[in-house]
Amino acid sequence: MVLPTAGESSSGGDEQAPPAQRRLIITLVAVTLVFLFASWFAWFMFRPEASWKNAEFEATVNRFQYNVMLARAEWIRQGQPAEVRLSLAELNAQNEPVIRSSGIARVPMSREGWPLARGKGEAGCLELWHLLGRPELNQGVVNSQVKVKFEVEQCHFYFLKRLRFVFSPENGRVEQII
């Protein structure tokens, strides 16, 4: 028995696929690879622990904390009214709007000078979250993944099923959980 050598085929003829068939195979392989890469990329960007979601949430918490203190300062400055009005635009050091928004937010205040929700319990906590954290400025991902519990007269905010910060309406304290 004689084995074929390099360059020969066992049937003796040239067995190369026609160009149209080779193009089809190459196209199918390329499409499959692109689909696999796109699937991996989508999973990577939108997995629950994606770091950009955490950064977006932290920005909202910082905005919440800033607005709590701004409301307190306005309450003192205006002579302790029942509500204060905060500008919806965020300004930089030169007093130019960084985030353009028209209007004002009316923030009810407690007798002790801290933002107060009109609602009670979890509904009140969510009201304060939307009023002071303004999550609508983000891409919308944060809002859908924030859960609130009202326990021991405090608002407990959970993000991605983890307790992330606690707000005490009676003294304005915002305690971030790392």
C-alpha atoms as a PDB file:
ATOM      1  CA  MET A   1       0.000   0.000   0.000  1.00  0.00           C
ATOM      2  CA  VAL A   2       1.305   3.375  -0.969  1.00  0.00           C
ATOM      3  CA  LEU A   3       0.423   6.418   1.126  1.00  0.00           C
ATOM      4  CA  PRO A   4      -0.140   9.735  -0.615  1.00  0.00           C
ATOM      5  CA  THR A   5       2.650  12.254  -0.197  1.00  0.00           C
ATOM      6  CA  ALA A   6       2.306  15.961   0.417  1.00  0.00           C
ATOM      7  CA  GLY A   7       0.542  17.593  -2.474  1.00  0.00           C
ATOM      8  CA  GLU A   8      -1.219  14.395  -3.547  1.00  0.00           C
ATOM      9  CA  SER A   9      -4.670  13.282  -2.521  1.00  0.00           C
ATOM     10  CA  SER A  10      -5.843   9.781  -1.923  1.00  0.00           C
ATOM     11  CA  SER A  11      -8.337   9.972  -4.775  1.00  0.00           C
ATOM     12  CA  GLY A  12      -5.797  11.310  -7.163  1.00  0.00           C
ATOM     13  CA  GLY A  13      -7.738  14.486  -8.104  1.00  0.00           C
ATOM     14  CA  ASP A  14      -7.567  18.035  -6.895  1.00  0.00           C
ATOM     15  CA  GLU A  15     -10.184  18.425  -4.081  1.00  0.00           C
ATOM     16  CA  GLN A  16     -10.269  22.162  -3.378  1.00  0.00           C
ATOM     17  CA  ALA A  17     -13.665  23.679  -2.578  1.00  0.00           C
ATOM     18  CA  PRO A  18     -15.077  26.051  -5.175  1.00  0.00           C
ATOM     19  CA  PRO A  19     -14.513  29.777  -4.375  1.00  0.00           C
ATOM     20  CA  ALA A  20     -18.208  30.421  -3.640  1.00  0.00           C
ATOM     21  CA  GLN A  21     -18.290  27.629  -1.064  1.00  0.00           C
ATOM     22  CA  ARG A  22     -15.086  28.888   0.583  1.00  0.00           C
ATOM     23  CA  ARG A  23     -16.522  32.413   0.776  1.00  0.00           C
ATOM     24  CA  LEU A  24     -19.668  31.055   2.406  1.00  0.00           C
ATOM     25  CA  ILE A  25     -17.653  29.143   5.016  1.00  0.00           C
ATOM     26  CA  ILE A  26     -15.469  32.171   5.782  1.00  0.00           C
ATOM     27  CA  THR A  27     -18.570  34.382   6.089  1.00  0.00           C
ATOM     28  CA  LEU A  28     -20.278  31.930   8.449  1.00  0.00           C
ATOM     29  CA  VAL A  29     -17.171  31.697  10.644  1.00  0.00           C
ATOM     30  CA  ALA A  30     -16.806  35.512  10.709  1.00  0.00           C
ATOM     31  CA  VAL A  31     -20.480  36.052  11.589  1.00  0.00           C
ATOM     32  CA  THR A  32     -20.256  33.434  14.339  1.00  0.00           C
ATOM     33  CA  LEU A  33     -17.163  35.101  15.823  1.00  0.00           C
ATOM     34  CA  VAL A  34     -18.774  38.566  15.704  1.00  0.00           C
ATOM     35  CA  PHE A  35     -21.922  37.206  17.382  1.00  0.00           C
ATOM     36  CA  LEU A  36     -19.877  35.535  20.126  1.00  0.00           C
ATOM     37  CA  PHE A  37     -17.874  38.719  20.758  1.00  0.00           C
ATOM     38  CA  ALA A  38     -21.033  40.876  20.829  1.00  0.00           C
ATOM     39  CA  SER A  39     -22.686  38.470  23.286  1.00  0.00           C
ATOM     40  CA  TRP A  40     -19.673  38.548  25.578  1.00  0.00           C
ATOM     41  CA  PHE A  41     -19.478  42.366  25.367  1.00  0.00           C
ATOM     42  CA  ALA A  42     -23.180  42.757  26.219  1.00  0.00           C
ATOM     43  CA  TRP A  43     -22.829  40.395  29.173  1.00  0.00           C
ATOM     44  CA  PHE A  44     -19.701  42.212  30.371  1.00  0.00           C
ATOM     45  CA  MET A  45     -21.251  45.700  30.192  1.00  0.00           C
ATOM     46  CA  PHE A  46     -24.615  44.846  31.719  1.00  0.00           C
ATOM     47  CA  ARG A  47     -23.756  42.270  34.348  1.00  0.00           C
ATOM     48  CA  PRO A  48     -25.056  43.227  37.793  1.00  0.00           C
ATOM     49  CA  GLU A  49     -21.656  44.057  39.250  1.00  0.00           C
ATOM     50  CA  ALA A  50     -20.522  46.356  36.404  1.00  0.00           C
ATOM     51  CA  SER A  51     -18.341  49.090  37.906  1.00  0.00           C
ATOM     52  CA  TRP A  52     -19.981  51.901  35.945  1.00  0.00           C
ATOM     53  CA  LYS A  53     -23.265  51.139  37.705  1.00  0.00           C
ATOM     54  CA  ASN A  54     -21.543  51.487  41.067  1.00  0.00           C
ATOM     55  CA  ALA A  55     -19.978  54.787  40.001  1.00  0.00           C
ATOM     56  CA  GLU A  56     -23.364  56.074  38.854  1.00  0.00           C
ATOM     57  CA  PHE A  57     -24.951  55.038  42.155  1.00  0.00           C
ATOM     58  CA  GLU A  58     -22.169  56.693  44.187  1.00  0.00           C
ATOM     59  CA  ALA A  59     -22.640  59.926  42.232  1.00  0.00           C
ATOM     60  CA  THR A  60     -26.341  59.851  43.102  1.00  0.00           C
ATOM     61  CA  VAL A  61     -25.574  59.218  46.794  1.00  0.00           C
ATOM     62  CA  ASN A  62     -23.124  62.137  46.806  1.00  0.00           C
ATOM     63  CA  ARG A  63     -25.772  64.355  45.180  1.00  0.00           C
ATOM     64  CA  PHE A  64     -28.276  63.179  47.819  1.00  0.00           C
ATOM     65  CA  GLN A  65     -25.870  64.021  50.659  1.00  0.00           C
ATOM     66  CA  TYR A  66     -24.972  67.388  49.104  1.00  0.00           C
ATOM     67  CA  ASN A  67     -28.637  68.342  48.707  1.00  0.00           C
ATOM     68  CA  VAL A  68     -29.426  67.333  52.308  1.00  0.00           C
ATOM     69  CA  MET A  69     -26.775  69.772  53.521  1.00  0.00           C
ATOM     70  CA  LEU A  70     -27.792  72.429  50.988  1.00  0.00           C
ATOM     71  CA  ALA A  71     -31.403  72.214  52.173  1.00  0.00           C
ATOM     72  CA  ARG A  72     -30.198  72.535  55.781  1.00  0.00           C
ATOM     73  CA  ALA A  73     -28.079  75.604  54.939  1.00  0.00           C
ATOM     74  CA  GLU A  74     -31.001  77.210  53.075  1.00  0.00           C
ATOM     75  CA  TRP A  75     -33.316  76.443  56.000  1.00  0.00           C
ATOM     76  CA  ILE A  76     -30.969  78.276  58.373  1.00  0.00           C
ATOM     77  CA  ARG A  77     -30.345  81.134  55.917  1.00  0.00           C
ATOM     78  CA  GLN A  78     -34.072  81.693  55.243  1.00  0.00           C
ATOM     79  CA  GLY A  79     -35.052  81.745  58.928  1.00  0.00           C
ATOM     80  CA  GLN A  80     -36.284  78.174  59.407  1.00  0.00           C
ATOM     81  CA  PRO A  81     -39.258  78.014  56.992  1.00  0.00           C
ATOM     82  CA  ALA A  82     -41.504  74.948  56.597  1.00  0.00           C
ATOM     83  CA  GLU A  83     -40.019  74.336  53.138  1.00  0.00           C
ATOM     84  CA  VAL A  84     -37.015  75.492  51.158  1.00  0.00           C
ATOM     85  CA  ARG A  85     -36.551  75.792  47.432  1.00  0.00           C
ATOM     86  CA  LEU A  86     -33.467  74.342  45.781  1.00  0.00           C
ATOM     87  CA  SER A  87     -32.374  75.152  42.234  1.00  0.00           C
ATOM     88  CA  LEU A  88     -32.414  72.122  39.948  1.00  0.00           C
ATOM     89  CA  ALA A  89     -29.354  73.362  38.062  1.00  0.00           C
ATOM     90  CA  GLU A  90     -25.970  72.311  39.420  1.00  0.00           C
ATOM     91  CA  LEU A  91     -23.359  75.073  39.289  1.00  0.00           C
ATOM     92  CA  ASN A  92     -19.570  74.926  39.015  1.00  0.00           C
ATOM     93  CA  ALA A  93     -17.101  77.176  40.862  1.00  0.00           C
ATOM     94  CA  GLN A  94     -17.736  80.024  38.382  1.00  0.00           C
ATOM     95  CA  ASN A  95     -21.513  79.831  39.068  1.00  0.00           C
ATOM     96  CA  GLU A  96     -22.205  78.456  35.590  1.00  0.00           C
ATOM     97  CA  PRO A  97     -24.705  75.593  35.235  1.00  0.00           C
ATOM     98  CA  VAL A  98     -23.046  72.220  34.796  1.00  0.00           C
ATOM     99  CA  ILE A  99     -26.314  70.328  34.621  1.00  0.00           C
ATOM    100  CA  ARG A 100     -28.929  72.542  33.024  1.00  0.00           C
ATOM    101  CA  SER A 101     -32.367  72.131  34.461  1.00  0.00           C
ATOM    102  CA  SER A 102     -35.177  74.574  34.749  1.00  0.00           C
ATOM    103  CA  GLY A 103     -37.145  75.153  37.883  1.00  0.00           C
ATOM    104  CA  ILE A 104     -36.744  74.480  41.542  1.00  0.00           C
ATOM    105  CA  ALA A 105     -37.358  71.634  43.937  1.00  0.00           C
ATOM    106  CA  ARG A 106     -39.597  72.389  46.887  1.00  0.00           C
ATOM    107  CA  VAL A 107     -38.210  70.499  49.880  1.00  0.00           C
ATOM    108  CA  PRO A 108     -40.379  70.232  53.020  1.00  0.00           C
ATOM    109  CA  MET A 109     -38.336  70.661  56.183  1.00  0.00           C
ATOM    110  CA  SER A 110     -38.759  69.302  59.710  1.00  0.00           C
ATOM    111  CA  ARG A 111     -38.783  71.551  62.782  1.00  0.00           C
ATOM    112  CA  GLU A 112     -35.199  70.444  63.385  1.00  0.00           C
ATOM    113  CA  GLY A 113     -34.171  71.635  59.905  1.00  0.00           C
ATOM    114  CA  TRP A 114     -33.810  68.434  57.910  1.00  0.00           C
ATOM    115  CA  PRO A 115     -35.513  67.379  54.662  1.00  0.00           C
ATOM    116  CA  LEU A 116     -38.842  65.772  55.383  1.00  0.00           C
ATOM    117  CA  ALA A 117     -40.897  63.499  53.169  1.00  0.00           C
ATOM    118  CA  ARG A 118     -44.614  63.997  52.714  1.00  0.00           C
ATOM    119  CA  GLY A 119     -45.099  60.231  52.621  1.00  0.00           C
ATOM    120  CA  LYS A 120     -44.454  57.836  55.470  1.00  0.00           C
ATOM    121  CA  GLY A 121     -42.142  54.822  55.685  1.00  0.00           C
ATOM    122  CA  GLU A 122     -40.639  53.411  52.497  1.00  0.00           C
ATOM    123  CA  ALA A 123     -42.733  55.727  50.319  1.00  0.00           C
ATOM    124  CA  GLY A 124     -41.239  58.711  52.150  1.00  0.00           C
ATOM    125  CA  CYS A 125     -37.719  57.351  51.720  1.00  0.00           C
ATOM    126  CA  LEU A 126     -38.277  56.927  47.985  1.00  0.00           C
ATOM    127  CA  GLU A 127     -39.690  60.443  47.801  1.00  0.00           C
ATOM    128  CA  LEU A 128     -36.520  61.834  49.418  1.00  0.00           C
ATOM    129  CA  TRP A 129     -34.351  59.666  47.111  1.00  0.00           C
ATOM    130  CA  HIS A 130     -35.974  61.171  44.029  1.00  0.00           C
ATOM    131  CA  LEU A 131     -36.124  64.701  45.414  1.00  0.00           C
ATOM    132  CA  LEU A 132     -32.562  64.922  46.743  1.00  0.00           C
ATOM    133  CA  GLY A 133     -30.610  62.256  44.844  1.00  0.00           C
ATOM    134  CA  ARG A 134     -32.187  63.116  41.489  1.00  0.00           C
ATOM    135  CA  PRO A 135     -31.409  59.727  39.904  1.00  0.00           C
ATOM    136  CA  GLU A 136     -33.111  60.840  36.681  1.00  0.00           C
ATOM    137  CA  LEU A 137     -29.850  62.633  35.834  1.00  0.00           C
ATOM    138  CA  ASN A 138     -28.250  59.202  35.397  1.00  0.00           C
ATOM    139  CA  GLN A 139     -28.849  56.716  32.618  1.00  0.00           C
ATOM    140  CA  GLY A 140     -31.803  55.132  34.418  1.00  0.00           C
ATOM    141  CA  VAL A 141     -30.029  51.986  35.525  1.00  0.00           C
ATOM    142  CA  VAL A 142     -29.593  53.131  39.102  1.00  0.00           C
ATOM    143  CA  ASN A 143     -33.255  53.912  39.627  1.00  0.00           C
ATOM    144  CA  SER A 144     -34.518  50.445  38.795  1.00  0.00           C
ATOM    145  CA  GLN A 145     -32.012  48.694  41.043  1.00  0.00           C
ATOM    146  CA  VAL A 146     -32.446  50.739  44.220  1.00  0.00           C
ATOM    147  CA  LYS A 147     -34.578  49.186  46.938  1.00  0.00           C
ATOM    148  CA  VAL A 148     -35.606  50.971  50.122  1.00  0.00           C
ATOM    149  CA  LYS A 149     -36.525  49.704  53.564  1.00  0.00           C
ATOM    150  CA  PHE A 150     -37.714  51.855  56.443  1.00  0.00           C
ATOM    151  CA  GLU A 151     -36.438  50.425  59.716  1.00  0.00           C
ATOM    152  CA  VAL A 152     -35.929  52.013  63.132  1.00  0.00           C
ATOM    153  CA  GLU A 153     -36.975  55.461  61.818  1.00  0.00           C
ATOM    154  CA  GLN A 154     -34.223  55.359  59.162  1.00  0.00           C
ATOM    155  CA  CYS A 155     -34.186  54.937  55.393  1.00  0.00           C
ATOM    156  CA  HIS A 156     -32.030  51.977  54.336  1.00  0.00           C
ATOM    157  CA  PHE A 157     -31.017  52.136  50.664  1.00  0.00           C
ATOM    158  CA  TYR A 158     -29.980  48.947  48.879  1.00  0.00           C
ATOM    159  CA  PHE A 159     -28.257  48.802  45.513  1.00  0.00           C
ATOM    160  CA  LEU A 160     -27.687  45.495  43.735  1.00  0.00           C
ATOM    161  CA  LYS A 161     -29.195  43.756  46.786  1.00  0.00           C
ATOM    162  CA  ARG A 162     -26.567  45.221  49.148  1.00  0.00           C
ATOM    163  CA  LEU A 163     -27.122  47.856  51.845  1.00  0.00           C
ATOM    164  CA  ARG A 164     -25.223  50.897  50.573  1.00  0.00           C
ATOM    165  CA  PHE A 165     -26.292  53.803  52.778  1.00  0.00           C
ATOM    166  CA  VAL A 166     -28.612  54.802  55.600  1.00  0.00           C
ATOM    167  CA  PHE A 167     -30.342  58.175  55.947  1.00  0.00           C
ATOM    168  CA  SER A 168     -31.646  59.393  59.310  1.00  0.00           C
ATOM    169  CA  PRO A 169     -34.405  61.971  58.673  1.00  0.00           C
ATOM    170  CA  GLU A 170     -34.390  63.159  62.295  1.00  0.00           C
ATOM    171  CA  ASN A 171     -30.781  64.423  62.141  1.00  0.00           C
ATOM    172  CA  GLY A 172     -29.876  64.473  58.419  1.00  0.00           C
ATOM    173  CA  ARG A 173     -27.099  61.936  58.825  1.00  0.00           C
ATOM    174  CA  VAL A 174     -26.105  60.011  55.699  1.00  0.00           C
ATOM    175  CA  GLU A 175     -24.021  56.961  56.572  1.00  0.00           C
ATOM    176  CA  GLN A 176     -22.411  55.261  53.606  1.00  0.00           C
ATOM    177  CA  ILE A 177     -21.802  51.526  53.946  1.00  0.00           C
ATOM    178  CA  ILE A 178     -18.710  50.303  52.134  1.00  0.00           C
END
